[in-house]
């Protein structure tokens, strides 16, 4: 009887299975890290990226180690969904650049609009 079985012996588990493959461990590590995501848009981006990597490792584990097509297919779908979410978040986080002419004109337009609002509403 192994040391692990002696320490964690209980009534319903006389023998324990061996430790799972490294892909399984890495997937669960990234899932654990996803629970540490902070609030905000960058936190959601971090959450989606860690879920994407975790699901990718689970899909790899399901395909190469477990040899289970349904486990691979489910996790591959989760990878695609999280990848789409990451792309949408990166699109929303992109910096918006204006041309130099628009940058020069915009302060005058804001001043003019505020002036008109002040005249007509006060």
PDB file of N, CA and C in Angstrom:
ATOM      1  N   UNK A   1       0.853  -1.168   0.000  1.00  0.00           N
ATOM      2  CA  UNK A   1       0.000   0.000   0.000  1.00  0.00           C
ATOM      3  C   UNK A   1       0.902   1.236   0.000  1.00  0.00           C
ATOM      4  N   UNK A   2       0.567   2.219  -0.834  1.00  0.00           N
ATOM      5  CA  UNK A   2       1.409   3.404  -0.954  1.00  0.00           C
ATOM      6  C   UNK A   2       1.151   4.374   0.204  1.00  0.00           C
ATOM      7  N   UNK A   3       2.082   5.295   0.356  1.00  0.00           N
ATOM      8  CA  UNK A   3       1.979   6.309   1.399  1.00  0.00           C
ATOM      9  C   UNK A   3       0.730   7.159   1.184  1.00  0.00           C
ATOM     10  N   UNK A   4       0.450   7.513  -0.074  1.00  0.00           N
ATOM     11  CA  UNK A   4      -0.722   8.322  -0.400  1.00  0.00           C
ATOM     12  C   UNK A   4      -2.006   7.621   0.020  1.00  0.00           C
ATOM     13  N   UNK A   5      -2.083   6.333  -0.217  1.00  0.00           N
ATOM     14  CA  UNK A   5      -3.276   5.568   0.162  1.00  0.00           C
ATOM     15  C   UNK A   5      -3.413   5.464   1.670  1.00  0.00           C
ATOM     16  N   UNK A   6      -2.285   5.377   2.382  1.00  0.00           N
ATOM     17  CA  UNK A   6      -2.344   5.298   3.841  1.00  0.00           C
ATOM     18  C   UNK A   6      -2.820   6.609   4.456  1.00  0.00           C
ATOM     19  N   UNK A   7      -2.330   7.719   3.931  1.00  0.00           N
ATOM     20  CA  UNK A   7      -2.666   9.023   4.506  1.00  0.00           C
ATOM     21  C   UNK A   7      -4.116   9.392   4.215  1.00  0.00           C
ATOM     22  N   UNK A   8      -4.559   9.167   2.991  1.00  0.00           N
ATOM     23  CA  UNK A   8      -5.891   9.589   2.590  1.00  0.00           C
ATOM     24  C   UNK A   8      -6.883   8.432   2.551  1.00  0.00           C
ATOM     25  N   UNK A   9      -6.704   7.462   3.383  1.00  0.00           N
ATOM     26  CA  UNK A   9      -7.595   6.308   3.396  1.00  0.00           C
ATOM     27  C   UNK A   9      -8.945   6.712   3.990  1.00  0.00           C
ATOM     28  N   UNK A  10      -9.976   6.286   3.325  1.00  0.00           N
ATOM     29  CA  UNK A  10     -11.330   6.493   3.832  1.00  0.00           C
ATOM     30  C   UNK A  10     -12.129   5.245   3.507  1.00  0.00           C
ATOM     31  N   UNK A  11     -13.369   5.233   3.901  1.00  0.00           N
ATOM     32  CA  UNK A  11     -14.189   4.049   3.721  1.00  0.00           C
ATOM     33  C   UNK A  11     -14.512   3.719   2.279  1.00  0.00           C
ATOM     34  N   UNK A  12     -14.632   4.722   1.427  1.00  0.00           N
ATOM     35  CA  UNK A  12     -15.073   4.451   0.063  1.00  0.00           C
ATOM     36  C   UNK A  12     -13.942   4.438  -0.966  1.00  0.00           C
ATOM     37  N   UNK A  13     -12.743   4.853  -0.613  1.00  0.00           N
ATOM     38  CA  UNK A  13     -11.618   4.862  -1.565  1.00  0.00           C
ATOM     39  C   UNK A  13     -10.465   4.047  -0.993  1.00  0.00           C
ATOM     40  N   UNK A  14     -10.411   2.801  -1.381  1.00  0.00           N
ATOM     41  CA  UNK A  14      -9.307   1.968  -0.917  1.00  0.00           C
ATOM     42  C   UNK A  14      -8.055   2.188  -1.756  1.00  0.00           C
ATOM     43  N   UNK A  15      -8.217   2.406  -3.037  1.00  0.00           N
ATOM     44  CA  UNK A  15      -7.072   2.684  -3.905  1.00  0.00           C
ATOM     45  C   UNK A  15      -7.333   3.977  -4.660  1.00  0.00           C
ATOM     46  N   UNK A  16      -6.286   4.704  -4.883  1.00  0.00           N
ATOM     47  CA  UNK A  16      -6.377   5.968  -5.598  1.00  0.00           C
ATOM     48  C   UNK A  16      -5.795   5.794  -6.989  1.00  0.00           C
ATOM     49  N   UNK A  17      -6.345   6.516  -7.938  1.00  0.00           N
ATOM     50  CA  UNK A  17      -5.811   6.520  -9.292  1.00  0.00           C
ATOM     51  C   UNK A  17      -4.506   7.303  -9.316  1.00  0.00           C
ATOM     52  N   UNK A  18      -3.652   7.049 -10.279  1.00  0.00           N
ATOM     53  CA  UNK A  18      -2.413   7.835 -10.369  1.00  0.00           C
ATOM     54  C   UNK A  18      -2.715   9.281 -10.761  1.00  0.00           C
ATOM     55  N   UNK A  19      -1.732  10.128 -10.541  1.00  0.00           N
ATOM     56  CA  UNK A  19      -1.867  11.543 -10.885  1.00  0.00           C
ATOM     57  C   UNK A  19      -2.090  11.661 -12.395  1.00  0.00           C
ATOM     58  N   UNK A  20      -2.971  12.576 -12.797  1.00  0.00           N
ATOM     59  CA  UNK A  20      -3.294  12.750 -14.213  1.00  0.00           C
ATOM     60  C   UNK A  20      -2.138  13.380 -14.977  1.00  0.00           C
ATOM     61  N   UNK A  21      -2.292  13.412 -16.277  1.00  0.00           N
ATOM     62  CA  UNK A  21      -1.292  13.916 -17.217  1.00  0.00           C
ATOM     63  C   UNK A  21      -1.030  15.408 -16.986  1.00  0.00           C
ATOM     64  N   UNK A  22       0.106  15.898 -17.490  1.00  0.00           N
ATOM     65  CA  UNK A  22       0.491  17.297 -17.304  1.00  0.00           C
ATOM     66  C   UNK A  22      -0.494  18.248 -17.987  1.00  0.00           C
ATOM     67  N   UNK A  23      -1.114  17.846 -19.104  1.00  0.00           N
ATOM     68  CA  UNK A  23      -2.116  18.698 -19.754  1.00  0.00           C
ATOM     69  C   UNK A  23      -3.306  18.936 -18.831  1.00  0.00           C
ATOM     70  N   UNK A  24      -3.719  17.917 -18.124  1.00  0.00           N
ATOM     71  CA  UNK A  24      -4.814  18.038 -17.160  1.00  0.00           C
ATOM     72  C   UNK A  24      -4.423  19.002 -16.044  1.00  0.00           C
ATOM     73  N   UNK A  25      -3.189  18.886 -15.547  1.00  0.00           N
ATOM     74  CA  UNK A  25      -2.721  19.752 -14.464  1.00  0.00           C
ATOM     75  C   UNK A  25      -2.614  21.205 -14.937  1.00  0.00           C
ATOM     76  N   UNK A  26      -2.097  21.412 -16.140  1.00  0.00           N
ATOM     77  CA  UNK A  26      -1.980  22.774 -16.665  1.00  0.00           C
ATOM     78  C   UNK A  26      -3.347  23.405 -16.916  1.00  0.00           C
ATOM     79  N   UNK A  27      -4.284  22.625 -17.415  1.00  0.00           N
ATOM     80  CA  UNK A  27      -5.638  23.148 -17.643  1.00  0.00           C
ATOM     81  C   UNK A  27      -6.255  23.616 -16.333  1.00  0.00           C
ATOM     82  N   UNK A  28      -6.148  22.808 -15.310  1.00  0.00           N
ATOM     83  CA  UNK A  28      -6.715  23.198 -14.016  1.00  0.00           C
ATOM     84  C   UNK A  28      -5.953  24.353 -13.391  1.00  0.00           C
ATOM     85  N   UNK A  29      -4.661  24.468 -13.652  1.00  0.00           N
ATOM     86  CA  UNK A  29      -3.899  25.622 -13.165  1.00  0.00           C
ATOM     87  C   UNK A  29      -4.422  26.908 -13.792  1.00  0.00           C
ATOM     88  N   UNK A  30      -4.680  26.882 -15.087  1.00  0.00           N
ATOM     89  CA  UNK A  30      -5.210  28.080 -15.741  1.00  0.00           C
ATOM     90  C   UNK A  30      -6.641  28.373 -15.309  1.00  0.00           C
ATOM     91  N   UNK A  31      -7.426  27.359 -15.032  1.00  0.00           N
ATOM     92  CA  UNK A  31      -8.762  27.601 -14.484  1.00  0.00           C
ATOM     93  C   UNK A  31      -8.670  28.228 -13.097  1.00  0.00           C
ATOM     94  N   UNK A  32      -7.725  27.770 -12.289  1.00  0.00           N
ATOM     95  CA  UNK A  32      -7.506  28.368 -10.973  1.00  0.00           C
ATOM     96  C   UNK A  32      -7.103  29.831 -11.126  1.00  0.00           C
ATOM     97  N   UNK A  33      -6.211  30.119 -12.065  1.00  0.00           N
ATOM     98  CA  UNK A  33      -5.783  31.502 -12.280  1.00  0.00           C
ATOM     99  C   UNK A  33      -6.926  32.377 -12.788  1.00  0.00           C
ATOM    100  N   UNK A  34      -7.878  31.795 -13.500  1.00  0.00           N
ATOM    101  CA  UNK A  34      -9.005  32.596 -13.983  1.00  0.00           C
ATOM    102  C   UNK A  34      -9.881  33.086 -12.836  1.00  0.00           C
ATOM    103  N   UNK A  35      -9.892  32.371 -11.731  1.00  0.00           N
ATOM    104  CA  UNK A  35     -10.659  32.821 -10.569  1.00  0.00           C
ATOM    105  C   UNK A  35     -10.018  34.029  -9.895  1.00  0.00           C
ATOM    106  N   UNK A  36      -8.780  34.336 -10.223  1.00  0.00           N
ATOM    107  CA  UNK A  36      -8.084  35.471  -9.631  1.00  0.00           C
ATOM    108  C   UNK A  36      -8.197  36.730 -10.483  1.00  0.00           C
ATOM    109  N   UNK A  37      -9.084  36.740 -11.448  1.00  0.00           N
ATOM    110  CA  UNK A  37      -9.232  37.880 -12.358  1.00  0.00           C
ATOM    111  C   UNK A  37      -9.793  39.083 -11.611  1.00  0.00           C
ATOM    112  N   UNK A  38      -9.187  40.257 -11.810  1.00  0.00           N
ATOM    113  CA  UNK A  38      -9.709  41.465 -11.168  1.00  0.00           C
ATOM    114  C   UNK A  38     -10.939  41.993 -11.907  1.00  0.00           C
ATOM    115  N   UNK A  39     -11.558  43.009 -11.341  1.00  0.00           N
ATOM    116  CA  UNK A  39     -12.712  43.644 -11.974  1.00  0.00           C
ATOM    117  C   UNK A  39     -12.247  44.542 -13.108  1.00  0.00           C
ATOM    118  N   UNK A  40     -13.136  44.879 -13.971  1.00  0.00           N
ATOM    119  CA  UNK A  40     -12.835  45.800 -15.055  1.00  0.00           C
ATOM    120  C   UNK A  40     -12.645  45.091 -16.381  1.00  0.00           C
ATOM    121  N   UNK A  41     -12.430  45.898 -17.405  1.00  0.00           N
ATOM    122  CA  UNK A  41     -12.312  45.371 -18.759  1.00  0.00           C
ATOM    123  C   UNK A  41     -11.053  44.531 -18.935  1.00  0.00           C
ATOM    124  N   UNK A  42      -9.947  44.970 -18.337  1.00  0.00           N
ATOM    125  CA  UNK A  42      -8.715  44.187 -18.432  1.00  0.00           C
ATOM    126  C   UNK A  42      -8.821  42.895 -17.623  1.00  0.00           C
ATOM    127  N   UNK A  43      -9.584  42.909 -16.551  1.00  0.00           N
ATOM    128  CA  UNK A  43      -9.820  41.693 -15.786  1.00  0.00           C
ATOM    129  C   UNK A  43     -10.618  40.670 -16.574  1.00  0.00           C
ATOM    130  N   UNK A  44     -11.607  41.154 -17.322  1.00  0.00           N
ATOM    131  CA  UNK A  44     -12.385  40.246 -18.165  1.00  0.00           C
ATOM    132  C   UNK A  44     -11.515  39.687 -19.283  1.00  0.00           C
ATOM    133  N   UNK A  45     -10.634  40.526 -19.827  1.00  0.00           N
ATOM    134  CA  UNK A  45      -9.708  40.044 -20.853  1.00  0.00           C
ATOM    135  C   UNK A  45      -8.785  38.974 -20.280  1.00  0.00           C
ATOM    136  N   UNK A  46      -8.275  39.201 -19.073  1.00  0.00           N
ATOM    137  CA  UNK A  46      -7.434  38.207 -18.399  1.00  0.00           C
ATOM    138  C   UNK A  46      -8.211  36.915 -18.148  1.00  0.00           C
ATOM    139  N   UNK A  47      -9.454  37.044 -17.693  1.00  0.00           N
ATOM    140  CA  UNK A  47     -10.303  35.880 -17.443  1.00  0.00           C
ATOM    141  C   UNK A  47     -10.503  35.067 -18.713  1.00  0.00           C
ATOM    142  N   UNK A  48     -10.844  35.731 -19.806  1.00  0.00           N
ATOM    143  CA  UNK A  48     -11.087  35.025 -21.065  1.00  0.00           C
ATOM    144  C   UNK A  48      -9.814  34.367 -21.598  1.00  0.00           C
ATOM    145  N   UNK A  49      -8.674  35.037 -21.437  1.00  0.00           N
ATOM    146  CA  UNK A  49      -7.411  34.446 -21.916  1.00  0.00           C
ATOM    147  C   UNK A  49      -7.035  33.210 -21.111  1.00  0.00           C
ATOM    148  N   UNK A  50      -7.192  33.264 -19.792  1.00  0.00           N
ATOM    149  CA  UNK A  50      -6.853  32.086 -18.990  1.00  0.00           C
ATOM    150  C   UNK A  50      -7.842  30.953 -19.238  1.00  0.00           C
ATOM    151  N   UNK A  51      -9.116  31.270 -19.431  1.00  0.00           N
ATOM    152  CA  UNK A  51     -10.083  30.225 -19.778  1.00  0.00           C
ATOM    153  C   UNK A  51      -9.776  29.620 -21.142  1.00  0.00           C
ATOM    154  N   UNK A  52      -9.351  30.454 -22.085  1.00  0.00           N
ATOM    155  CA  UNK A  52      -8.999  29.957 -23.407  1.00  0.00           C
ATOM    156  C   UNK A  52      -7.841  28.969 -23.322  1.00  0.00           C
ATOM    157  N   UNK A  53      -6.795  29.318 -22.582  1.00  0.00           N
ATOM    158  CA  UNK A  53      -5.636  28.426 -22.464  1.00  0.00           C
ATOM    159  C   UNK A  53      -6.010  27.160 -21.697  1.00  0.00           C
ATOM    160  N   UNK A  54      -6.800  27.300 -20.629  1.00  0.00           N
ATOM    161  CA  UNK A  54      -7.227  26.130 -19.864  1.00  0.00           C
ATOM    162  C   UNK A  54      -8.052  25.167 -20.699  1.00  0.00           C
ATOM    163  N   UNK A  55      -8.991  25.700 -21.472  1.00  0.00           N
ATOM    164  CA  UNK A  55      -9.805  24.836 -22.338  1.00  0.00           C
ATOM    165  C   UNK A  55      -8.971  24.219 -23.450  1.00  0.00           C
ATOM    166  N   UNK A  56      -7.970  24.947 -23.926  1.00  0.00           N
ATOM    167  CA  UNK A  56      -7.092  24.380 -24.954  1.00  0.00           C
ATOM    168  C   UNK A  56      -6.318  23.189 -24.395  1.00  0.00           C
ATOM    169  N   UNK A  57      -5.829  23.302 -23.156  1.00  0.00           N
ATOM    170  CA  UNK A  57      -5.129  22.169 -22.548  1.00  0.00           C
ATOM    171  C   UNK A  57      -6.077  21.004 -22.284  1.00  0.00           C
ATOM    172  N   UNK A  58      -7.310  21.296 -21.885  1.00  0.00           N
ATOM    173  CA  UNK A  58      -8.279  20.212 -21.699  1.00  0.00           C
ATOM    174  C   UNK A  58      -8.628  19.542 -23.031  1.00  0.00           C
ATOM    175  N   UNK A  59      -8.744  20.325 -24.100  1.00  0.00           N
ATOM    176  CA  UNK A  59      -8.999  19.736 -25.416  1.00  0.00           C
ATOM    177  C   UNK A  59      -7.824  18.869 -25.852  1.00  0.00           C
ATOM    178  N   UNK A  60      -6.614  19.353 -25.617  1.00  0.00           N
ATOM    179  CA  UNK A  60      -5.422  18.573 -25.942  1.00  0.00           C
ATOM    180  C   UNK A  60      -5.354  17.299 -25.117  1.00  0.00           C
ATOM    181  N   UNK A  61      -5.695  17.400 -23.854  1.00  0.00           N
ATOM    182  CA  UNK A  61      -5.716  16.231 -22.969  1.00  0.00           C
ATOM    183  C   UNK A  61      -6.787  15.238 -23.421  1.00  0.00           C
ATOM    184  N   UNK A  62      -7.967  15.743 -23.764  1.00  0.00           N
ATOM    185  CA  UNK A  62      -9.042  14.868 -24.224  1.00  0.00           C
ATOM    186  C   UNK A  62      -8.708  14.165 -25.531  1.00  0.00           C
ATOM    187  N   UNK A  63      -7.939  14.819 -26.399  1.00  0.00           N
ATOM    188  CA  UNK A  63      -7.593  14.234 -27.688  1.00  0.00           C
ATOM    189  C   UNK A  63      -6.426  13.260 -27.583  1.00  0.00           C
ATOM    190  N   UNK A  64      -5.368  13.631 -26.844  1.00  0.00           N
ATOM    191  CA  UNK A  64      -4.144  12.821 -26.857  1.00  0.00           C
ATOM    192  C   UNK A  64      -4.065  11.803 -25.735  1.00  0.00           C
ATOM    193  N   UNK A  65      -4.594  12.116 -24.568  1.00  0.00           N
ATOM    194  CA  UNK A  65      -4.441  11.228 -23.413  1.00  0.00           C
ATOM    195  C   UNK A  65      -5.704  10.421 -23.173  1.00  0.00           C
ATOM    196  N   UNK A  66      -6.828  11.111 -23.068  1.00  0.00           N
ATOM    197  CA  UNK A  66      -8.091  10.442 -22.762  1.00  0.00           C
ATOM    198  C   UNK A  66      -8.676   9.734 -23.986  1.00  0.00           C
ATOM    199  N   UNK A  67      -8.305  10.205 -25.181  1.00  0.00           N
ATOM    200  CA  UNK A  67      -8.828   9.665 -26.449  1.00  0.00           C
ATOM    201  C   UNK A  67     -10.355   9.685 -26.462  1.00  0.00           C
ATOM    202  N   UNK A  68     -10.896  10.823 -26.054  1.00  0.00           N
ATOM    203  CA  UNK A  68     -12.342  11.001 -25.980  1.00  0.00           C
ATOM    204  C   UNK A  68     -12.728  12.147 -26.906  1.00  0.00           C
ATOM    205  N   UNK A  69     -13.461  11.811 -27.963  1.00  0.00           N
ATOM    206  CA  UNK A  69     -13.833  12.826 -28.941  1.00  0.00           C
ATOM    207  C   UNK A  69     -14.781  13.860 -28.356  1.00  0.00           C
ATOM    208  N   UNK A  70     -15.711  13.439 -27.486  1.00  0.00           N
ATOM    209  CA  UNK A  70     -16.660  14.408 -26.928  1.00  0.00           C
ATOM    210  C   UNK A  70     -15.969  15.384 -25.984  1.00  0.00           C
ATOM    211  N   UNK A  71     -15.007  14.919 -25.183  1.00  0.00           N
ATOM    212  CA  UNK A  71     -14.258  15.833 -24.312  1.00  0.00           C
ATOM    213  C   UNK A  71     -13.465  16.828 -25.150  1.00  0.00           C
ATOM    214  N   UNK A  72     -12.866  16.337 -26.231  1.00  0.00           N
ATOM    215  CA  UNK A  72     -12.136  17.234 -27.130  1.00  0.00           C
ATOM    216  C   UNK A  72     -13.076  18.243 -27.771  1.00  0.00           C
ATOM    217  N   UNK A  73     -14.216  17.780 -28.268  1.00  0.00           N
ATOM    218  CA  UNK A  73     -15.138  18.647 -28.988  1.00  0.00           C
ATOM    219  C   UNK A  73     -15.723  19.735 -28.090  1.00  0.00           C
ATOM    220  N   UNK A  74     -16.133  19.373 -26.878  1.00  0.00           N
ATOM    221  CA  UNK A  74     -16.667  20.370 -25.948  1.00  0.00           C
ATOM    222  C   UNK A  74     -15.626  21.442 -25.649  1.00  0.00           C
ATOM    223  N   UNK A  75     -14.428  21.028 -25.324  1.00  0.00           N
ATOM    224  CA  UNK A  75     -13.400  22.006 -24.960  1.00  0.00           C
ATOM    225  C   UNK A  75     -12.910  22.794 -26.165  1.00  0.00           C
ATOM    226  N   UNK A  76     -12.913  22.198 -27.342  1.00  0.00           N
ATOM    227  CA  UNK A  76     -12.570  22.955 -28.547  1.00  0.00           C
ATOM    228  C   UNK A  76     -13.618  24.036 -28.811  1.00  0.00           C
ATOM    229  N   UNK A  77     -14.885  23.737 -28.568  1.00  0.00           N
ATOM    230  CA  UNK A  77     -15.937  24.758 -28.691  1.00  0.00           C
ATOM    231  C   UNK A  77     -15.731  25.882 -27.687  1.00  0.00           C
ATOM    232  N   UNK A  78     -15.348  25.542 -26.465  1.00  0.00           N
ATOM    233  CA  UNK A  78     -15.076  26.573 -25.458  1.00  0.00           C
ATOM    234  C   UNK A  78     -13.883  27.433 -25.857  1.00  0.00           C
ATOM    235  N   UNK A  79     -12.890  26.834 -26.499  1.00  0.00           N
ATOM    236  CA  UNK A  79     -11.739  27.599 -26.992  1.00  0.00           C
ATOM    237  C   UNK A  79     -12.196  28.609 -28.040  1.00  0.00           C
ATOM    238  N   UNK A  80     -13.030  28.180 -28.960  1.00  0.00           N
ATOM    239  CA  UNK A  80     -13.520  29.075 -30.014  1.00  0.00           C
ATOM    240  C   UNK A  80     -14.338  30.216 -29.415  1.00  0.00           C
ATOM    241  N   UNK A  81     -15.219  29.904 -28.481  1.00  0.00           N
ATOM    242  CA  UNK A  81     -16.052  30.935 -27.846  1.00  0.00           C
ATOM    243  C   UNK A  81     -15.187  31.950 -27.102  1.00  0.00           C
ATOM    244  N   UNK A  82     -14.221  31.478 -26.329  1.00  0.00           N
ATOM    245  CA  UNK A  82     -13.358  32.402 -25.592  1.00  0.00           C
ATOM    246  C   UNK A  82     -12.460  33.193 -26.530  1.00  0.00           C
ATOM    247  N   UNK A  83     -12.028  32.593 -27.630  1.00  0.00           N
ATOM    248  CA  UNK A  83     -11.221  33.320 -28.607  1.00  0.00           C
ATOM    249  C   UNK A  83     -12.022  34.462 -29.224  1.00  0.00           C
ATOM    250  N   UNK A  84     -13.281  34.218 -29.541  1.00  0.00           N
ATOM    251  CA  UNK A  84     -14.137  35.277 -30.089  1.00  0.00           C
ATOM    252  C   UNK A  84     -14.318  36.394 -29.063  1.00  0.00           C
ATOM    253  N   UNK A  85     -14.530  36.032 -27.801  1.00  0.00           N
ATOM    254  CA  UNK A  85     -14.662  37.052 -26.752  1.00  0.00           C
ATOM    255  C   UNK A  85     -13.377  37.869 -26.610  1.00  0.00           C
ATOM    256  N   UNK A  86     -12.229  37.222 -26.681  1.00  0.00           N
ATOM    257  CA  UNK A  86     -10.951  37.939 -26.584  1.00  0.00           C
ATOM    258  C   UNK A  86     -10.801  38.905 -27.754  1.00  0.00           C
ATOM    259  N   UNK A  87     -11.157  38.480 -28.953  1.00  0.00           N
ATOM    260  CA  UNK A  87     -11.068  39.364 -30.124  1.00  0.00           C
ATOM    261  C   UNK A  87     -11.983  40.576 -29.978  1.00  0.00           C
ATOM    262  N   UNK A  88     -13.192  40.366 -29.489  1.00  0.00           N
ATOM    263  CA  UNK A  88     -14.128  41.482 -29.289  1.00  0.00           C
ATOM    264  C   UNK A  88     -13.594  42.434 -28.225  1.00  0.00           C
ATOM    265  N   UNK A  89     -13.059  41.900 -27.140  1.00  0.00           N
ATOM    266  CA  UNK A  89     -12.508  42.761 -26.087  1.00  0.00           C
ATOM    267  C   UNK A  89     -11.303  43.550 -26.589  1.00  0.00           C
ATOM    268  N   UNK A  90     -10.429  42.907 -27.353  1.00  0.00           N
ATOM    269  CA  UNK A  90      -9.281  43.626 -27.907  1.00  0.00           C
ATOM    270  C   UNK A  90      -9.728  44.706 -28.889  1.00  0.00           C
ATOM    271  N   UNK A  91     -10.802  44.460 -29.615  1.00  0.00           N
ATOM    272  CA  UNK A  91     -11.336  45.479 -30.518  1.00  0.00           C
ATOM    273  C   UNK A  91     -11.831  46.682 -29.725  1.00  0.00           C
ATOM    274  N   UNK A  92     -12.499  46.451 -28.611  1.00  0.00           N
ATOM    275  CA  UNK A  92     -13.002  47.558 -27.793  1.00  0.00           C
ATOM    276  C   UNK A  92     -11.882  48.290 -27.059  1.00  0.00           C
ATOM    277  N   UNK A  93     -10.774  47.635 -26.828  1.00  0.00           N
ATOM    278  CA  UNK A  93      -9.660  48.263 -26.118  1.00  0.00           C
ATOM    279  C   UNK A  93      -8.682  48.984 -27.043  1.00  0.00           C
ATOM    280  N   UNK A  94      -8.894  48.916 -28.341  1.00  0.00           N
ATOM    281  CA  UNK A  94      -7.957  49.546 -29.258  1.00  0.00           C
ATOM    282  C   UNK A  94      -8.010  51.061 -29.085  1.00  0.00           C
ATOM    283  N   UNK A  95      -6.880  51.728 -29.263  1.00  0.00           N
ATOM    284  CA  UNK A  95      -6.902  53.188 -29.155  1.00  0.00           C
ATOM    285  C   UNK A  95      -7.543  53.805 -30.397  1.00  0.00           C
ATOM    286  N   UNK A  96      -8.353  54.814 -30.170  1.00  0.00           N
ATOM    287  CA  UNK A  96      -9.015  55.512 -31.268  1.00  0.00           C
ATOM    288  C   UNK A  96      -8.141  56.703 -31.638  1.00  0.00           C
ATOM    289  N   UNK A  97      -7.688  56.736 -32.871  1.00  0.00           N
ATOM    290  CA  UNK A  97      -6.804  57.803 -33.353  1.00  0.00           C
ATOM    291  C   UNK A  97      -7.572  58.707 -34.316  1.00  0.00           C
ATOM    292  N   UNK A  98      -7.421  60.003 -34.108  1.00  0.00           N
ATOM    293  CA  UNK A  98      -7.993  60.980 -35.017  1.00  0.00           C
ATOM    294  C   UNK A  98      -6.872  61.594 -35.842  1.00  0.00           C
ATOM    295  N   UNK A  99      -7.237  62.146 -36.985  1.00  0.00           N
ATOM    296  CA  UNK A  99      -6.237  62.850 -37.785  1.00  0.00           C
ATOM    297  C   UNK A  99      -5.871  64.152 -37.089  1.00  0.00           C
ATOM    298  N   UNK A 100      -4.770  64.736 -37.516  1.00  0.00           N
ATOM    299  CA  UNK A 100      -4.308  65.972 -36.884  1.00  0.00           C
ATOM    300  C   UNK A 100      -5.317  67.106 -37.085  1.00  0.00           C
ATOM    301  N   UNK A 101      -5.963  67.139 -38.235  1.00  0.00           N
ATOM    302  CA  UNK A 101      -6.944  68.191 -38.508  1.00  0.00           C
ATOM    303  C   UNK A 101      -8.141  68.090 -37.564  1.00  0.00           C
ATOM    304  N   UNK A 102      -8.615  66.887 -37.329  1.00  0.00           N
ATOM    305  CA  UNK A 102      -9.749  66.692 -36.420  1.00  0.00           C
ATOM    306  C   UNK A 102      -9.341  67.046 -34.998  1.00  0.00           C
ATOM    307  N   UNK A 103      -8.127  66.712 -34.607  1.00  0.00           N
ATOM    308  CA  UNK A 103      -7.645  67.055 -33.264  1.00  0.00           C
ATOM    309  C   UNK A 103      -7.587  68.569 -33.070  1.00  0.00           C
ATOM    310  N   UNK A 104      -7.216  69.305 -34.116  1.00  0.00           N
ATOM    311  CA  UNK A 104      -7.118  70.763 -34.004  1.00  0.00           C
ATOM    312  C   UNK A 104      -8.488  71.429 -34.008  1.00  0.00           C
ATOM    313  N   UNK A 105      -9.447  70.870 -34.726  1.00  0.00           N
ATOM    314  CA  UNK A 105     -10.773  71.473 -34.850  1.00  0.00           C
ATOM    315  C   UNK A 105     -11.653  71.144 -33.653  1.00  0.00           C
ATOM    316  N   UNK A 106     -11.486  69.989 -33.045  1.00  0.00           N
ATOM    317  CA  UNK A 106     -12.414  69.543 -32.008  1.00  0.00           C
ATOM    318  C   UNK A 106     -12.497  70.466 -30.793  1.00  0.00           C
ATOM    319  N   UNK A 107     -11.424  71.080 -30.274  1.00  0.00           N
ATOM    320  CA  UNK A 107     -11.627  71.991 -29.124  1.00  0.00           C
ATOM    321  C   UNK A 107     -12.507  73.191 -29.463  1.00  0.00           C
ATOM    322  N   UNK A 108     -12.384  73.700 -30.699  1.00  0.00           N
ATOM    323  CA  UNK A 108     -13.216  74.832 -31.100  1.00  0.00           C
ATOM    324  C   UNK A 108     -14.678  74.422 -31.228  1.00  0.00           C
ATOM    325  N   UNK A 109     -14.927  73.224 -31.729  1.00  0.00           N
ATOM    326  CA  UNK A 109     -16.304  72.744 -31.847  1.00  0.00           C
ATOM    327  C   UNK A 109     -16.938  72.546 -30.480  1.00  0.00           C
ATOM    328  N   UNK A 110     -16.193  72.003 -29.549  1.00  0.00           N
ATOM    329  CA  UNK A 110     -16.721  71.799 -28.202  1.00  0.00           C
ATOM    330  C   UNK A 110     -17.033  73.146 -27.560  1.00  0.00           C
ATOM    331  N   UNK A 111     -16.142  74.113 -27.711  1.00  0.00           N
ATOM    332  CA  UNK A 111     -16.388  75.443 -27.163  1.00  0.00           C
ATOM    333  C   UNK A 111     -17.623  76.066 -27.805  1.00  0.00           C
ATOM    334  N   UNK A 112     -17.754  75.954 -29.117  1.00  0.00           N
ATOM    335  CA  UNK A 112     -18.890  76.527 -29.834  1.00  0.00           C
ATOM    336  C   UNK A 112     -20.199  75.870 -29.408  1.00  0.00           C
ATOM    337  N   UNK A 113     -20.222  74.553 -29.284  1.00  0.00           N
ATOM    338  CA  UNK A 113     -21.437  73.844 -28.867  1.00  0.00           C
ATOM    339  C   UNK A 113     -21.813  74.233 -27.438  1.00  0.00           C
ATOM    340  N   UNK A 114     -20.844  74.313 -26.545  1.00  0.00           N
ATOM    341  CA  UNK A 114     -21.130  74.726 -25.161  1.00  0.00           C
ATOM    342  C   UNK A 114     -21.645  76.163 -25.118  1.00  0.00           C
ATOM    343  N   UNK A 115     -21.108  77.018 -25.961  1.00  0.00           N
ATOM    344  CA  UNK A 115     -21.556  78.402 -26.019  1.00  0.00           C
ATOM    345  C   UNK A 115     -23.008  78.480 -26.481  1.00  0.00           C
ATOM    346  N   UNK A 116     -23.364  77.710 -27.504  1.00  0.00           N
ATOM    347  CA  UNK A 116     -24.740  77.706 -28.013  1.00  0.00           C
ATOM    348  C   UNK A 116     -25.697  77.156 -26.955  1.00  0.00           C
ATOM    349  N   UNK A 117     -25.312  76.100 -26.274  1.00  0.00           N
ATOM    350  CA  UNK A 117     -26.166  75.533 -25.223  1.00  0.00           C
ATOM    351  C   UNK A 117     -26.365  76.545 -24.107  1.00  0.00           C
ATOM    352  N   UNK A 118     -25.326  77.272 -23.754  1.00  0.00           N
ATOM    353  CA  UNK A 118     -25.425  78.278 -22.692  1.00  0.00           C
ATOM    354  C   UNK A 118     -26.379  79.401 -23.097  1.00  0.00           C
ATOM    355  N   UNK A 119     -26.309  79.830 -24.330  1.00  0.00           N
ATOM    356  CA  UNK A 119     -27.164  80.926 -24.788  1.00  0.00           C
ATOM    357  C   UNK A 119     -28.631  80.499 -24.825  1.00  0.00           C
ATOM    358  N   UNK A 120     -28.930  79.345 -25.384  1.00  0.00           N
ATOM    359  CA  UNK A 120     -30.321  78.952 -25.596  1.00  0.00           C
ATOM    360  C   UNK A 120     -30.994  78.367 -24.360  1.00  0.00           C
ATOM    361  N   UNK A 121     -30.246  77.792 -23.445  1.00  0.00           N
ATOM    362  CA  UNK A 121     -30.881  77.128 -22.308  1.00  0.00           C
ATOM    363  C   UNK A 121     -30.770  77.901 -21.005  1.00  0.00           C
ATOM    364  N   UNK A 122     -30.037  78.997 -20.979  1.00  0.00           N
ATOM    365  CA  UNK A 122     -29.924  79.738 -19.716  1.00  0.00           C
ATOM    366  C   UNK A 122     -30.343  81.146 -19.861  1.00  0.00           C
TER     367      UNK A 122
END
